[in-house]
Amino acid sequence: MWVNKAYKFCIYPNKDQAILINKTIGCSRCVCNFFLGKQKEINLKKEAIRLLTVGTTGIA
């Protein structure tokens, strides 16, 4: 039987560390959003192609 464990940490960064943490999180969010947008574009193109092929062949 698996037991899930969680640990909570409270950090108290100094000014320079807080700036670095915020930059890292901001960069990670930017990269995540970029690739999420790319994935949405791909899915929209696939859906458009599927709708075009279904519309022309009559196959559902």
Protein backbone atom coordinates (compact mmCIF):
# COMPACT_ATOMS: atom_id res chain seq x y z
CA MET A 1 0.00 0.00 0.00
CA TRP A 2 1.35 3.40 -1.03
CA VAL A 3 1.36 6.24 1.44
CA ASN A 4 1.45 9.78 0.14
CA LYS A 5 3.46 12.23 2.17
CA ALA A 6 3.66 15.97 1.93
CA TYR A 7 6.03 18.43 3.48
CA LYS A 8 5.44 22.12 3.95
CA PHE A 9 8.34 24.50 4.05
CA CYS A 10 8.33 28.13 4.95
CA ILE A 11 11.19 30.06 3.42
CA TYR A 12 12.37 33.52 4.26
CA PRO A 13 14.46 34.69 1.32
CA ASN A 14 16.49 37.84 1.46
CA LYS A 15 15.94 40.58 -1.13
CA ASP A 16 18.30 39.14 -3.76
CA GLN A 17 16.91 35.62 -3.36
CA ALA A 18 13.33 36.88 -3.65
CA ILE A 19 14.20 38.63 -6.92
CA LEU A 20 15.80 35.47 -8.29
CA ILE A 21 12.82 33.33 -7.22
CA ASN A 22 10.38 35.72 -8.89
CA LYS A 23 12.43 35.78 -12.10
CA THR A 24 12.58 31.97 -12.17
CA ILE A 25 8.86 31.58 -11.61
CA GLY A 26 8.09 34.26 -14.20
CA CYS A 27 10.31 32.59 -16.78
CA SER A 28 8.75 29.20 -16.09
CA ARG A 29 5.27 30.66 -16.47
CA CYS A 30 6.25 32.32 -19.75
CA VAL A 31 7.64 29.07 -21.18
CA CYS A 32 4.60 27.10 -20.01
CA ASN A 33 2.18 29.60 -21.56
CA PHE A 34 4.16 29.66 -24.82
CA PHE A 35 3.98 25.90 -25.28
CA LEU A 36 0.37 25.78 -24.12
CA GLY A 37 -0.43 28.27 -26.87
CA LYS A 38 1.46 26.16 -29.42
CA GLN A 39 -0.48 23.07 -28.33
CA LYS A 40 -3.78 24.94 -28.70
CA GLU A 41 -2.78 26.03 -32.22
CA ILE A 42 -1.99 22.43 -33.15
CA ASN A 43 -5.30 21.21 -31.72
CA LEU A 44 -7.23 23.89 -33.61
CA LYS A 45 -5.53 22.93 -36.88
CA LYS A 46 -6.26 19.25 -36.29
CA GLU A 47 -9.90 20.05 -35.51
CA ALA A 48 -10.20 22.19 -38.65
CA ILE A 49 -8.73 19.41 -40.78
CA ARG A 50 -11.05 16.87 -39.16
CA LEU A 51 -14.08 19.07 -39.84
CA LEU A 52 -13.01 19.60 -43.45
CA THR A 53 -12.50 15.90 -44.09
CA VAL A 54 -15.74 14.94 -42.36
CA GLY A 55 -17.63 17.60 -44.32
CA THR A 56 -16.31 16.42 -47.68
CA THR A 57 -16.52 12.65 -47.17
CA GLY A 58 -19.76 12.49 -45.21
CA ILE A 59 -18.16 10.16 -42.68
CA ALA A 60 -18.78 11.04 -39.04
